[in-house]
N, C-alpha and C. Protein backbone atom coordinates (compact mmCIF):
# COMPACT_ATOMS: atom_id res chain seq x y z
N MET A 1 0.83 -1.20 0.00
CA MET A 1 0.00 0.00 0.00
C MET A 1 0.87 1.26 0.00
N LYS A 2 1.95 1.21 0.80
CA LYS A 2 2.84 2.36 0.88
C LYS A 2 3.53 2.61 -0.47
N ALA A 3 3.90 1.51 -1.13
CA ALA A 3 4.55 1.62 -2.44
C ALA A 3 3.59 2.21 -3.46
N LEU A 4 2.34 1.79 -3.39
CA LEU A 4 1.32 2.31 -4.32
C LEU A 4 1.14 3.81 -4.09
N ARG A 5 1.07 4.21 -2.83
CA ARG A 5 0.91 5.63 -2.50
C ARG A 5 2.09 6.45 -3.03
N SER A 6 3.30 5.94 -2.83
CA SER A 6 4.50 6.61 -3.34
C SER A 6 4.46 6.73 -4.85
N PHE A 7 4.02 5.65 -5.52
CA PHE A 7 3.93 5.67 -6.97
C PHE A 7 2.92 6.72 -7.43
N LEU A 8 1.77 6.76 -6.79
CA LEU A 8 0.73 7.72 -7.17
C LEU A 8 1.20 9.16 -6.95
N LEU A 9 1.90 9.39 -5.85
CA LEU A 9 2.43 10.74 -5.59
C LEU A 9 3.45 11.12 -6.65
N ALA A 10 4.32 10.18 -7.02
CA ALA A 10 5.33 10.45 -8.05
C ALA A 10 4.66 10.71 -9.40
N ALA A 11 3.65 9.91 -9.70
CA ALA A 11 2.92 10.09 -10.97
C ALA A 11 2.23 11.45 -10.99
N ALA A 12 1.65 11.82 -9.87
CA ALA A 12 0.98 13.13 -9.79
C ALA A 12 1.99 14.26 -9.97
N ALA A 13 3.16 14.11 -9.39
CA ALA A 13 4.20 15.14 -9.52
C ALA A 13 4.64 15.27 -10.98
N VAL A 14 4.82 14.13 -11.65
CA VAL A 14 5.20 14.16 -13.07
C VAL A 14 4.10 14.84 -13.88
N TRP A 15 2.85 14.52 -13.59
CA TRP A 15 1.72 15.12 -14.31
C TRP A 15 1.68 16.63 -14.10
N VAL A 16 1.86 17.07 -12.86
CA VAL A 16 1.86 18.51 -12.55
C VAL A 16 3.00 19.20 -13.29
N LEU A 17 4.19 18.61 -13.25
CA LEU A 17 5.33 19.22 -13.94
C LEU A 17 5.12 19.28 -15.44
N SER A 18 4.53 18.23 -16.01
CA SER A 18 4.30 18.25 -17.46
C SER A 18 3.20 19.24 -17.81
N ALA A 19 2.25 19.45 -16.91
CA ALA A 19 1.18 20.42 -17.15
C ALA A 19 1.73 21.84 -17.19
N CYS A 20 2.89 22.04 -16.59
CA CYS A 20 3.49 23.37 -16.55
C CYS A 20 4.46 23.60 -17.70
N SER A 21 4.52 22.66 -18.63
CA SER A 21 5.49 22.82 -19.71
C SER A 21 5.04 23.88 -20.70
N ASN A 22 5.99 24.40 -21.44
CA ASN A 22 5.73 25.45 -22.43
C ASN A 22 4.71 25.02 -23.46
N SER A 23 4.67 23.71 -23.78
CA SER A 23 3.76 23.22 -24.81
C SER A 23 2.30 23.41 -24.40
N ASP A 24 2.04 23.57 -23.13
CA ASP A 24 0.66 23.75 -22.66
C ASP A 24 0.26 25.21 -22.57
N PHE A 25 1.15 26.12 -22.95
CA PHE A 25 0.81 27.55 -22.90
C PHE A 25 -0.39 27.83 -23.80
N GLN A 26 -1.36 28.53 -23.27
CA GLN A 26 -2.57 28.87 -24.02
C GLN A 26 -2.62 30.37 -24.26
N GLY A 27 -2.34 30.79 -25.48
CA GLY A 27 -2.42 32.20 -25.83
C GLY A 27 -3.79 32.57 -26.35
N ASN A 28 -4.06 33.86 -26.46
CA ASN A 28 -5.33 34.31 -27.04
C ASN A 28 -5.11 35.41 -28.09
N MET A 29 -3.85 35.65 -28.45
CA MET A 29 -3.51 36.63 -29.47
C MET A 29 -2.35 36.10 -30.32
N ASP A 30 -2.19 36.69 -31.48
CA ASP A 30 -1.06 36.34 -32.35
C ASP A 30 -0.81 37.53 -33.28
N VAL A 31 -0.16 38.56 -32.72
CA VAL A 31 0.06 39.81 -33.46
C VAL A 31 1.53 40.20 -33.35
N GLU A 32 2.15 40.45 -34.47
CA GLU A 32 3.56 40.84 -34.46
C GLU A 32 3.70 42.31 -34.05
N VAL A 33 4.58 42.58 -33.10
CA VAL A 33 4.83 43.96 -32.67
C VAL A 33 5.64 44.67 -33.76
N GLN A 34 5.17 45.86 -34.15
CA GLN A 34 5.87 46.65 -35.17
C GLN A 34 7.17 47.21 -34.57
N ALA A 35 8.16 47.38 -35.42
CA ALA A 35 9.45 47.91 -34.95
C ALA A 35 9.26 49.30 -34.34
N PHE A 36 10.02 49.57 -33.28
CA PHE A 36 9.97 50.89 -32.65
C PHE A 36 11.31 51.21 -32.02
N GLU A 37 11.55 52.49 -31.80
CA GLU A 37 12.68 52.96 -31.00
C GLU A 37 12.23 54.26 -30.36
N HIS A 38 12.08 54.22 -29.03
CA HIS A 38 11.56 55.38 -28.30
C HIS A 38 12.47 55.70 -27.11
N THR A 39 12.11 56.74 -26.36
CA THR A 39 12.91 57.21 -25.24
C THR A 39 12.25 56.80 -23.93
N ASN A 40 13.06 56.27 -23.00
CA ASN A 40 12.50 55.86 -21.71
C ASN A 40 12.62 56.96 -20.66
N GLN A 41 12.22 56.63 -19.45
CA GLN A 41 12.19 57.60 -18.35
C GLN A 41 13.58 58.10 -17.95
N ASP A 42 14.63 57.42 -18.42
CA ASP A 42 15.99 57.87 -18.14
C ASP A 42 16.61 58.60 -19.33
N GLY A 43 15.79 58.85 -20.35
CA GLY A 43 16.30 59.54 -21.53
C GLY A 43 17.09 58.65 -22.47
N GLU A 44 16.99 57.33 -22.27
CA GLU A 44 17.73 56.37 -23.10
C GLU A 44 16.82 55.80 -24.17
N LYS A 45 17.42 55.46 -25.31
CA LYS A 45 16.66 54.85 -26.41
C LYS A 45 16.41 53.37 -26.11
N VAL A 46 15.18 52.94 -26.36
CA VAL A 46 14.81 51.53 -26.22
C VAL A 46 14.09 51.13 -27.49
N SER A 47 14.53 50.02 -28.08
CA SER A 47 13.92 49.58 -29.33
C SER A 47 13.41 48.14 -29.21
N LEU A 48 12.63 47.76 -30.20
CA LEU A 48 12.14 46.38 -30.24
C LEU A 48 13.31 45.40 -30.28
N SER A 49 14.38 45.76 -30.99
CA SER A 49 15.53 44.84 -31.07
C SER A 49 16.21 44.66 -29.72
N ASP A 50 16.10 45.66 -28.82
CA ASP A 50 16.65 45.50 -27.46
C ASP A 50 15.91 44.42 -26.67
N LEU A 51 14.68 44.14 -27.07
CA LEU A 51 13.84 43.18 -26.35
C LEU A 51 13.87 41.79 -26.98
N GLU A 52 14.57 41.68 -28.10
CA GLU A 52 14.64 40.40 -28.81
C GLU A 52 15.25 39.34 -27.91
N GLY A 53 14.63 38.17 -27.90
CA GLY A 53 15.12 37.07 -27.07
C GLY A 53 14.65 37.14 -25.64
N LYS A 54 13.81 38.14 -25.33
CA LYS A 54 13.26 38.26 -23.97
C LYS A 54 11.74 38.21 -24.04
N VAL A 55 11.15 37.69 -22.99
CA VAL A 55 9.70 37.76 -22.82
C VAL A 55 9.41 39.09 -22.17
N TRP A 56 8.36 39.79 -22.62
CA TRP A 56 8.06 41.06 -21.98
C TRP A 56 6.56 41.29 -21.85
N LEU A 57 6.23 42.12 -20.89
CA LEU A 57 4.85 42.55 -20.65
C LEU A 57 4.74 44.00 -21.05
N ALA A 58 3.61 44.36 -21.65
CA ALA A 58 3.41 45.74 -22.08
C ALA A 58 2.04 46.23 -21.64
N ASN A 59 1.95 47.55 -21.49
CA ASN A 59 0.65 48.18 -21.28
C ASN A 59 0.71 49.62 -21.76
N PHE A 60 -0.43 50.30 -21.70
CA PHE A 60 -0.54 51.69 -22.14
C PHE A 60 -1.05 52.53 -20.97
N ILE A 61 -0.31 53.61 -20.69
CA ILE A 61 -0.64 54.47 -19.55
C ILE A 61 -0.37 55.93 -19.93
N PHE A 62 -0.74 56.86 -19.05
CA PHE A 62 -0.25 58.24 -19.16
C PHE A 62 -0.27 58.85 -17.77
N THR A 63 0.63 59.78 -17.54
CA THR A 63 0.88 60.25 -16.17
C THR A 63 -0.23 61.12 -15.60
N ASN A 64 -1.01 61.77 -16.45
CA ASN A 64 -2.10 62.61 -15.95
C ASN A 64 -3.43 61.86 -15.85
N CYS A 65 -3.37 60.57 -15.99
CA CYS A 65 -4.57 59.73 -15.94
C CYS A 65 -5.21 59.80 -14.56
N THR A 66 -6.52 60.03 -14.53
CA THR A 66 -7.22 60.15 -13.25
C THR A 66 -8.06 58.92 -12.93
N THR A 67 -8.01 57.89 -13.78
CA THR A 67 -8.87 56.73 -13.55
C THR A 67 -8.08 55.42 -13.49
N VAL A 68 -7.83 54.79 -14.63
CA VAL A 68 -7.33 53.41 -14.64
C VAL A 68 -5.82 53.25 -14.52
N CYS A 69 -5.05 54.28 -14.87
CA CYS A 69 -3.58 54.10 -14.90
C CYS A 69 -2.95 53.85 -13.53
N PRO A 70 -3.33 54.60 -12.49
CA PRO A 70 -2.72 54.29 -11.19
C PRO A 70 -2.95 52.85 -10.72
N PRO A 71 -4.20 52.32 -10.78
CA PRO A 71 -4.33 50.92 -10.37
C PRO A 71 -3.60 49.96 -11.30
N MET A 72 -3.59 50.25 -12.62
CA MET A 72 -2.86 49.39 -13.55
C MET A 72 -1.37 49.36 -13.23
N THR A 73 -0.81 50.52 -12.91
CA THR A 73 0.63 50.58 -12.61
C THR A 73 0.93 49.87 -11.30
N ARG A 74 0.05 50.01 -10.31
CA ARG A 74 0.21 49.26 -9.06
C ARG A 74 0.17 47.77 -9.33
N ASN A 75 -0.79 47.36 -10.18
CA ASN A 75 -0.92 45.93 -10.50
C ASN A 75 0.31 45.41 -11.23
N MET A 76 0.84 46.19 -12.15
CA MET A 76 2.05 45.76 -12.88
C MET A 76 3.23 45.66 -11.92
N SER A 77 3.30 46.58 -10.96
CA SER A 77 4.36 46.54 -9.96
C SER A 77 4.24 45.26 -9.12
N GLU A 78 3.00 44.87 -8.83
CA GLU A 78 2.79 43.63 -8.07
C GLU A 78 3.20 42.41 -8.91
N VAL A 79 2.87 42.43 -10.20
CA VAL A 79 3.31 41.35 -11.09
C VAL A 79 4.84 41.25 -11.08
N GLN A 80 5.50 42.40 -11.15
CA GLN A 80 6.96 42.44 -11.13
C GLN A 80 7.48 41.82 -9.83
N ASP A 81 6.90 42.20 -8.70
CA ASP A 81 7.31 41.63 -7.41
C ASP A 81 7.17 40.11 -7.40
N LEU A 82 6.04 39.62 -7.91
CA LEU A 82 5.78 38.18 -7.92
C LEU A 82 6.76 37.45 -8.83
N LEU A 83 7.05 38.04 -9.99
CA LEU A 83 8.02 37.42 -10.90
C LEU A 83 9.41 37.36 -10.26
N ASN A 84 9.78 38.44 -9.59
CA ASN A 84 11.09 38.47 -8.93
C ASN A 84 11.16 37.45 -7.80
N GLU A 85 10.05 37.31 -7.06
CA GLU A 85 10.00 36.31 -5.98
C GLU A 85 10.13 34.90 -6.53
N GLU A 86 9.61 34.68 -7.74
CA GLU A 86 9.69 33.36 -8.39
C GLU A 86 11.05 33.12 -9.03
N GLY A 87 11.91 34.14 -9.02
CA GLY A 87 13.24 33.98 -9.58
C GLY A 87 13.29 34.10 -11.10
N VAL A 88 12.24 34.66 -11.69
CA VAL A 88 12.23 34.86 -13.15
C VAL A 88 13.10 36.08 -13.45
N GLU A 89 14.08 35.91 -14.33
CA GLU A 89 15.05 36.98 -14.57
C GLU A 89 15.00 37.57 -15.97
N ASN A 90 14.79 36.76 -16.97
CA ASN A 90 14.93 37.23 -18.35
C ASN A 90 13.60 37.77 -18.89
N TYR A 91 13.09 38.84 -18.26
CA TYR A 91 11.85 39.45 -18.73
C TYR A 91 11.96 40.96 -18.60
N GLU A 92 11.12 41.67 -19.33
CA GLU A 92 11.08 43.13 -19.29
C GLU A 92 9.63 43.59 -19.17
N ILE A 93 9.45 44.81 -18.73
CA ILE A 93 8.14 45.46 -18.72
C ILE A 93 8.27 46.75 -19.51
N VAL A 94 7.31 47.00 -20.39
CA VAL A 94 7.30 48.22 -21.18
C VAL A 94 5.94 48.88 -21.06
N SER A 95 5.93 50.14 -20.60
CA SER A 95 4.70 50.92 -20.55
C SER A 95 4.81 52.04 -21.57
N PHE A 96 3.91 52.03 -22.55
CA PHE A 96 3.90 53.05 -23.59
C PHE A 96 2.98 54.19 -23.16
N SER A 97 3.47 55.41 -23.18
CA SER A 97 2.61 56.56 -22.89
C SER A 97 1.70 56.84 -24.07
N VAL A 98 0.42 57.06 -23.78
CA VAL A 98 -0.53 57.45 -24.84
C VAL A 98 -0.64 58.98 -24.92
N ASP A 99 0.12 59.67 -24.07
CA ASP A 99 0.11 61.14 -24.03
C ASP A 99 1.54 61.65 -24.15
N PRO A 100 2.20 61.38 -25.29
CA PRO A 100 3.63 61.70 -25.41
C PRO A 100 3.95 63.19 -25.36
N GLU A 101 2.97 64.03 -25.65
CA GLU A 101 3.24 65.47 -25.63
C GLU A 101 3.45 65.99 -24.22
N ARG A 102 2.75 65.43 -23.26
CA ARG A 102 2.95 65.84 -21.85
C ARG A 102 3.90 64.92 -21.11
N ASP A 103 3.97 63.67 -21.53
CA ASP A 103 4.79 62.69 -20.81
C ASP A 103 6.24 62.71 -21.28
N THR A 104 6.97 63.66 -20.76
CA THR A 104 8.41 63.73 -21.00
C THR A 104 9.10 62.62 -20.20
N PRO A 105 10.35 62.33 -20.48
CA PRO A 105 11.07 61.36 -19.63
C PRO A 105 11.01 61.74 -18.14
N ASP A 106 11.15 63.02 -17.83
CA ASP A 106 11.10 63.45 -16.42
C ASP A 106 9.73 63.19 -15.81
N ALA A 107 8.67 63.44 -16.57
CA ALA A 107 7.32 63.19 -16.07
C ALA A 107 7.11 61.70 -15.81
N LEU A 108 7.62 60.86 -16.69
CA LEU A 108 7.50 59.42 -16.51
C LEU A 108 8.32 58.94 -15.32
N LYS A 109 9.50 59.52 -15.14
CA LYS A 109 10.37 59.17 -14.01
C LYS A 109 9.68 59.51 -12.69
N GLU A 110 9.07 60.69 -12.64
CA GLU A 110 8.34 61.11 -11.45
C GLU A 110 7.16 60.19 -11.19
N TYR A 111 6.43 59.85 -12.24
CA TYR A 111 5.25 58.98 -12.13
C TYR A 111 5.61 57.62 -11.54
N ILE A 112 6.61 56.96 -12.11
CA ILE A 112 6.94 55.61 -11.68
C ILE A 112 7.54 55.59 -10.28
N SER A 113 8.07 56.72 -9.83
CA SER A 113 8.68 56.78 -8.49
C SER A 113 7.66 56.54 -7.37
N HIS A 114 6.38 56.66 -7.68
CA HIS A 114 5.33 56.49 -6.67
C HIS A 114 4.89 55.03 -6.50
N TYR A 115 5.50 54.11 -7.24
CA TYR A 115 4.98 52.74 -7.27
C TYR A 115 5.94 51.66 -6.79
N GLU A 116 7.02 52.02 -6.15
CA GLU A 116 7.97 51.03 -5.64
C GLU A 116 8.35 50.02 -6.72
N ALA A 117 8.53 50.52 -7.94
CA ALA A 117 8.86 49.66 -9.07
C ALA A 117 10.37 49.49 -9.18
N ASP A 118 10.77 48.34 -9.68
CA ASP A 118 12.17 48.10 -10.01
C ASP A 118 12.37 48.57 -11.45
N GLU A 119 13.04 49.70 -11.62
CA GLU A 119 13.19 50.28 -12.96
C GLU A 119 14.29 49.61 -13.78
N SER A 120 14.99 48.65 -13.19
CA SER A 120 16.09 48.01 -13.94
C SER A 120 15.58 47.23 -15.15
N ASN A 121 14.31 46.80 -15.11
CA ASN A 121 13.75 46.09 -16.28
C ASN A 121 12.35 46.60 -16.64
N TRP A 122 12.08 47.86 -16.28
CA TRP A 122 10.77 48.47 -16.59
C TRP A 122 11.03 49.79 -17.30
N ASN A 123 10.71 49.83 -18.58
CA ASN A 123 10.87 51.04 -19.39
C ASN A 123 9.51 51.69 -19.64
N LEU A 124 9.41 52.97 -19.32
CA LEU A 124 8.23 53.76 -19.66
C LEU A 124 8.64 54.61 -20.85
N LEU A 125 7.92 54.46 -21.96
CA LEU A 125 8.38 55.04 -23.22
C LEU A 125 7.54 56.22 -23.69
N THR A 126 8.24 57.16 -24.34
CA THR A 126 7.65 58.35 -24.94
C THR A 126 8.55 58.77 -26.10
N GLY A 127 8.27 59.98 -26.67
CA GLY A 127 9.14 60.47 -27.73
C GLY A 127 8.63 60.16 -29.12
N TYR A 128 7.33 60.13 -29.29
CA TYR A 128 6.70 59.89 -30.58
C TYR A 128 5.48 60.81 -30.66
N SER A 129 4.81 60.83 -31.79
CA SER A 129 3.64 61.70 -31.91
C SER A 129 2.39 60.97 -31.43
N PRO A 130 1.34 61.71 -31.07
CA PRO A 130 0.07 61.06 -30.70
C PRO A 130 -0.46 60.15 -31.81
N ASP A 131 -0.31 60.57 -33.06
CA ASP A 131 -0.76 59.72 -34.18
C ASP A 131 0.03 58.42 -34.24
N ASP A 132 1.34 58.53 -33.98
CA ASP A 132 2.19 57.33 -34.02
C ASP A 132 1.76 56.30 -32.98
N ILE A 133 1.50 56.75 -31.76
CA ILE A 133 1.13 55.79 -30.71
C ILE A 133 -0.25 55.21 -30.96
N GLN A 134 -1.14 56.02 -31.53
CA GLN A 134 -2.47 55.52 -31.86
C GLN A 134 -2.38 54.38 -32.89
N THR A 135 -1.59 54.59 -33.93
CA THR A 135 -1.41 53.58 -34.97
C THR A 135 -0.69 52.36 -34.43
N PHE A 136 0.37 52.60 -33.64
CA PHE A 136 1.17 51.51 -33.07
C PHE A 136 0.31 50.63 -32.15
N ALA A 137 -0.49 51.26 -31.28
CA ALA A 137 -1.34 50.51 -30.36
C ALA A 137 -2.33 49.64 -31.12
N GLU A 138 -2.88 50.21 -32.16
CA GLU A 138 -3.88 49.49 -32.95
C GLU A 138 -3.25 48.33 -33.73
N GLU A 139 -2.13 48.60 -34.41
CA GLU A 139 -1.52 47.59 -35.27
C GLU A 139 -0.78 46.50 -34.49
N SER A 140 -0.13 46.88 -33.39
CA SER A 140 0.69 45.92 -32.65
C SER A 140 -0.05 45.22 -31.51
N PHE A 141 -1.09 45.88 -30.96
CA PHE A 141 -1.76 45.33 -29.78
C PHE A 141 -3.28 45.26 -29.91
N GLN A 142 -3.81 45.69 -31.07
CA GLN A 142 -5.25 45.74 -31.27
C GLN A 142 -5.91 46.54 -30.14
N ALA A 143 -5.26 47.66 -29.78
CA ALA A 143 -5.71 48.46 -28.64
C ALA A 143 -6.00 49.90 -29.06
N LEU A 144 -6.85 50.55 -28.30
CA LEU A 144 -7.15 51.96 -28.50
C LEU A 144 -6.13 52.82 -27.77
N ALA A 145 -5.86 53.99 -28.33
CA ALA A 145 -5.02 55.00 -27.67
C ALA A 145 -5.38 56.34 -28.30
N VAL A 146 -6.53 56.88 -27.91
CA VAL A 146 -7.05 58.09 -28.55
C VAL A 146 -7.43 59.14 -27.50
N PRO A 147 -7.31 60.43 -27.86
CA PRO A 147 -7.72 61.47 -26.93
C PRO A 147 -9.22 61.42 -26.67
N ASP A 148 -9.62 61.69 -25.45
CA ASP A 148 -11.04 61.84 -25.12
C ASP A 148 -11.47 63.22 -25.60
N PRO A 149 -12.44 63.30 -26.51
CA PRO A 149 -12.84 64.60 -27.06
C PRO A 149 -13.46 65.54 -26.02
N ASN A 150 -13.85 64.99 -24.87
CA ASN A 150 -14.56 65.80 -23.86
C ASN A 150 -13.70 66.20 -22.66
N SER A 151 -12.40 65.84 -22.69
CA SER A 151 -11.55 66.16 -21.53
C SER A 151 -10.09 66.14 -21.97
N ASP A 152 -9.19 66.29 -20.98
CA ASP A 152 -7.75 66.20 -21.28
C ASP A 152 -7.24 64.77 -21.06
N GLN A 153 -8.17 63.82 -20.95
CA GLN A 153 -7.81 62.43 -20.72
C GLN A 153 -7.72 61.67 -22.05
N PHE A 154 -7.33 60.39 -21.96
CA PHE A 154 -7.20 59.54 -23.14
C PHE A 154 -8.01 58.27 -22.94
N ILE A 155 -8.53 57.77 -24.04
CA ILE A 155 -9.23 56.50 -24.02
C ILE A 155 -8.22 55.46 -24.51
N HIS A 156 -7.95 54.48 -23.65
CA HIS A 156 -6.95 53.47 -24.01
C HIS A 156 -7.28 52.16 -23.33
N GLY A 157 -6.71 51.09 -23.87
CA GLY A 157 -6.95 49.77 -23.31
C GLY A 157 -6.35 49.62 -21.92
N THR A 158 -6.94 48.73 -21.15
CA THR A 158 -6.45 48.48 -19.79
C THR A 158 -5.85 47.08 -19.66
N SER A 159 -5.51 46.49 -20.79
CA SER A 159 -4.94 45.13 -20.75
C SER A 159 -3.44 45.17 -20.49
N PHE A 160 -2.96 44.05 -19.95
CA PHE A 160 -1.54 43.75 -19.93
C PHE A 160 -1.33 42.76 -21.08
N TYR A 161 -0.26 42.95 -21.83
CA TYR A 161 0.02 42.10 -22.98
C TYR A 161 1.31 41.32 -22.76
N LEU A 162 1.29 40.05 -23.15
CA LEU A 162 2.47 39.20 -23.05
C LEU A 162 3.06 39.02 -24.44
N ILE A 163 4.34 39.36 -24.57
CA ILE A 163 5.03 39.27 -25.85
C ILE A 163 6.12 38.21 -25.71
N ASN A 164 6.19 37.30 -26.68
CA ASN A 164 7.17 36.23 -26.60
C ASN A 164 8.55 36.68 -27.08
N LYS A 165 9.51 35.77 -27.04
CA LYS A 165 10.90 36.11 -27.38
C LYS A 165 11.07 36.52 -28.84
N GLU A 166 10.11 36.14 -29.68
CA GLU A 166 10.17 36.48 -31.10
C GLU A 166 9.49 37.82 -31.42
N GLY A 167 8.93 38.48 -30.40
CA GLY A 167 8.30 39.78 -30.62
C GLY A 167 6.86 39.70 -31.07
N THR A 168 6.18 38.62 -30.70
CA THR A 168 4.76 38.44 -31.04
C THR A 168 3.92 38.56 -29.78
N VAL A 169 2.85 39.34 -29.85
CA VAL A 169 1.90 39.43 -28.74
C VAL A 169 1.11 38.12 -28.74
N VAL A 170 1.22 37.37 -27.65
CA VAL A 170 0.59 36.05 -27.60
C VAL A 170 -0.58 35.97 -26.63
N LYS A 171 -0.70 36.99 -25.75
CA LYS A 171 -1.80 36.90 -24.78
C LYS A 171 -2.09 38.27 -24.19
N SER A 172 -3.36 38.49 -23.85
CA SER A 172 -3.73 39.71 -23.13
C SER A 172 -4.48 39.31 -21.86
N TYR A 173 -4.35 40.16 -20.85
CA TYR A 173 -4.99 39.93 -19.55
C TYR A 173 -5.63 41.23 -19.09
N ASP A 174 -6.61 41.14 -18.22
CA ASP A 174 -7.16 42.34 -17.59
C ASP A 174 -6.06 42.92 -16.69
N GLY A 175 -5.72 44.18 -16.90
CA GLY A 175 -4.68 44.80 -16.09
C GLY A 175 -5.21 45.73 -15.03
N ASN A 176 -6.54 45.83 -14.93
CA ASN A 176 -7.14 46.82 -14.04
C ASN A 176 -7.87 46.19 -12.86
N MET A 177 -8.95 45.49 -13.11
CA MET A 177 -9.82 45.02 -12.02
C MET A 177 -9.58 43.55 -11.64
N GLU A 178 -9.72 42.68 -12.63
CA GLU A 178 -9.66 41.23 -12.37
C GLU A 178 -8.32 40.68 -12.85
N VAL A 179 -7.24 41.17 -12.28
CA VAL A 179 -5.91 40.81 -12.76
C VAL A 179 -5.57 39.37 -12.35
N PRO A 180 -5.29 38.49 -13.33
CA PRO A 180 -4.95 37.10 -13.00
C PRO A 180 -3.46 36.96 -12.68
N PHE A 181 -3.05 37.45 -11.52
CA PHE A 181 -1.63 37.52 -11.18
C PHE A 181 -0.91 36.18 -11.35
N ASP A 182 -1.50 35.11 -10.80
CA ASP A 182 -0.84 33.80 -10.86
C ASP A 182 -0.67 33.32 -12.30
N GLU A 183 -1.70 33.55 -13.11
CA GLU A 183 -1.64 33.13 -14.51
C GLU A 183 -0.56 33.88 -15.27
N ILE A 184 -0.46 35.18 -15.03
CA ILE A 184 0.57 35.98 -15.70
C ILE A 184 1.96 35.48 -15.32
N VAL A 185 2.17 35.27 -14.03
CA VAL A 185 3.48 34.80 -13.56
C VAL A 185 3.82 33.45 -14.18
N LEU A 186 2.85 32.53 -14.18
CA LEU A 186 3.08 31.21 -14.76
C LEU A 186 3.40 31.31 -16.25
N ASP A 187 2.65 32.14 -16.97
CA ASP A 187 2.87 32.28 -18.41
C ASP A 187 4.24 32.88 -18.72
N VAL A 188 4.61 33.94 -18.00
CA VAL A 188 5.92 34.55 -18.22
C VAL A 188 7.02 33.55 -17.93
N LYS A 189 6.83 32.81 -16.85
CA LYS A 189 7.83 31.82 -16.45
C LYS A 189 7.96 30.75 -17.54
N GLN A 190 6.84 30.25 -18.03
CA GLN A 190 6.86 29.21 -19.07
C GLN A 190 7.56 29.70 -20.33
N LEU A 191 7.20 30.89 -20.78
CA LEU A 191 7.77 31.40 -22.03
C LEU A 191 9.24 31.78 -21.88
N SER A 192 9.61 32.27 -20.70
CA SER A 192 11.02 32.68 -20.53
C SER A 192 11.92 31.46 -20.38
N GLU A 193 11.38 30.34 -19.92
CA GLU A 193 12.18 29.13 -19.77
C GLU A 193 12.19 28.30 -21.06
N GLY A 194 11.22 28.57 -21.93
CA GLY A 194 11.10 27.77 -23.16
C GLY A 194 12.08 28.15 -24.22
């Protein structure tokens, strides 16, 4: 009986480990990210080629946002903490500003300073035109990034996007209210190890 129990436990462990393999990753998107080179919060250039070979998470924010951006940035910071706790190293986070005219590198630096974020692998990008980010968001992430005609705010997606090592958006998650933290961590871990 003891041998049977040991066998069943070993079999269950093998099943659990195989269930976590990269081959079981379930994506819900398949969109190639368009080439870019923009300026981060430290005034440094960051391009798509800098992210080649790395798994990364992306979202769209702006520093004067009065609604969804603060909770989204807090949530992304929590994802970062969880990934670091899991020992995941080869990943990046990229937040694209949808308000590049106001979001200078200094404004982005000030913004991220309120979130206890590790900036060593988190780039907040600006340095393009509003039209450019609108087109880029739509073509690369199937996301909105447009000015609100009735205020100084912007209408933009609240998803977190997972991009694989080849630069393809493979999955989106709710980044605001119902954030699937464990799923994001597992997916990043699977893709970064694969």
